[in-house]
Amino acid sequence: GTPNAIRGHWKSKKERAITTYATIGKNYYHEMANDLNYLNNTQYKYIGHHIFKINGYEPYYSKRRTNQYVQYINHRYIKTWTPGTPHKYRLLLHRY
């Protein structure tokens, strides 16, 4: 299952009237903003520098396994992004 350090309920600051909410559980990653980003039946791999690669089945759009990266900063903050995202656009989330 997903590491306890990144499990829980997370949200971002409001960006252009959009707040992103993410819920990370034992075997799922659900992110809700202006569109859904759901990953079910997830597996993870520790990359290094507190970065985890989460691989899961995406049931709405691609209907195949896709990746999501999560970087653990501390107990209150994580960063999340999809492959190919430039460094400055990685989304900062905090616990709520």
Protein backbone atom coordinates (compact mmCIF):
# COMPACT_ATOMS: atom_id res chain seq x y z
CA GLY A 1 0.00 0.00 0.00
CA THR A 2 0.86 3.67 -0.18
CA PRO A 3 3.24 4.98 2.54
CA ASN A 4 1.53 6.48 5.62
CA ALA A 5 3.49 9.72 5.19
CA ILE A 6 1.56 10.70 2.05
CA ARG A 7 -1.85 9.23 2.91
CA GLY A 8 -4.67 11.55 3.89
CA HIS A 9 -6.68 14.54 2.69
CA TRP A 10 -4.82 17.34 0.92
CA LYS A 11 -5.82 20.62 -0.74
CA SER A 12 -4.13 23.46 -2.59
CA LYS A 13 -4.44 27.20 -2.34
CA LYS A 14 -7.01 28.70 -4.66
CA GLU A 15 -5.60 29.32 -8.14
CA ARG A 16 -7.85 31.33 -10.48
CA ALA A 17 -10.95 30.31 -8.46
CA ILE A 18 -9.96 26.61 -8.53
CA THR A 19 -8.96 24.66 -5.43
CA THR A 20 -7.52 21.19 -5.91
CA TYR A 21 -8.46 18.45 -3.44
CA ALA A 22 -6.56 15.17 -3.24
CA THR A 23 -7.30 12.06 -1.20
CA ILE A 24 -4.59 9.42 -0.98
CA GLY A 25 -5.44 6.07 0.55
CA LYS A 26 -3.95 2.61 0.83
CA ASN A 27 -4.58 1.68 -2.81
CA TYR A 28 -6.03 4.78 -4.49
CA TYR A 29 -5.19 8.37 -5.45
CA HIS A 30 -8.17 10.68 -6.10
CA GLU A 31 -7.61 14.29 -7.14
CA MET A 32 -10.46 16.69 -7.83
CA ALA A 33 -10.11 20.15 -9.37
CA ASN A 34 -11.89 21.32 -12.52
CA ASP A 35 -11.51 17.73 -13.79
CA LEU A 36 -11.05 14.37 -12.10
CA ASN A 37 -7.76 12.53 -11.76
CA TYR A 38 -8.57 9.14 -10.26
CA LEU A 39 -6.10 6.29 -9.89
CA ASN A 40 -7.33 2.98 -8.47
CA ASN A 41 -5.42 -0.23 -7.63
CA THR A 42 -2.27 1.80 -7.10
CA GLN A 43 1.27 0.59 -6.69
CA TYR A 44 4.15 2.82 -5.64
CA LYS A 45 7.89 2.98 -6.08
CA TYR A 46 10.32 5.13 -4.09
CA ILE A 47 12.43 7.12 -6.56
CA GLY A 48 14.65 9.06 -4.13
CA HIS A 49 14.71 12.56 -2.60
CA HIS A 50 11.33 11.79 -0.91
CA ILE A 51 9.67 11.25 -4.31
CA PHE A 52 7.19 8.42 -4.86
CA LYS A 53 5.97 7.27 -8.28
CA ILE A 54 2.35 6.13 -8.01
CA ASN A 55 1.06 3.90 -10.79
CA GLY A 56 -2.64 3.10 -11.02
CA TYR A 57 -5.61 2.39 -13.26
CA GLU A 58 -7.32 5.57 -14.56
CA PRO A 59 -11.01 4.64 -15.13
CA TYR A 60 -12.44 7.80 -16.74
CA TYR A 61 -10.28 9.11 -19.57
CA SER A 62 -7.49 6.80 -20.72
CA LYS A 63 -8.86 3.58 -19.14
CA ARG A 64 -5.30 2.32 -18.63
CA ARG A 65 -2.52 2.51 -16.05
CA THR A 66 -0.89 5.93 -15.67
CA ASN A 67 1.65 7.55 -13.36
CA GLN A 68 1.52 10.34 -10.80
CA TYR A 69 4.48 11.65 -8.80
CA VAL A 70 4.24 12.74 -5.15
CA GLN A 71 7.06 14.43 -3.25
CA TYR A 72 6.87 14.36 0.56
CA ILE A 73 8.13 17.68 1.93
CA ASN A 74 7.08 17.40 5.58
CA HIS A 75 4.04 16.36 7.63
CA ARG A 76 2.03 19.31 6.31
CA TYR A 77 3.06 19.63 2.65
CA ILE A 78 3.44 17.47 -0.46
CA LYS A 79 4.00 18.29 -4.13
CA THR A 80 2.28 16.35 -6.87
CA TRP A 81 2.64 16.28 -10.66
CA THR A 82 2.20 14.14 -13.75
CA PRO A 83 5.11 13.03 -15.95
CA GLY A 84 6.43 15.81 -18.15
CA THR A 85 5.31 18.69 -15.93
CA PRO A 86 7.91 21.50 -15.65
CA HIS A 87 9.37 21.96 -12.17
CA LYS A 88 7.72 25.34 -11.49
CA TYR A 89 4.22 23.99 -12.19
CA ARG A 90 4.30 21.20 -9.60
CA LEU A 91 1.25 21.53 -7.36
CA LEU A 92 1.84 22.24 -3.66
CA LEU A 93 -0.78 20.67 -1.37
CA HIS A 94 -1.30 20.93 2.38
CA ARG A 95 -3.19 18.76 4.86
CA TYR A 96 -6.67 19.76 5.94
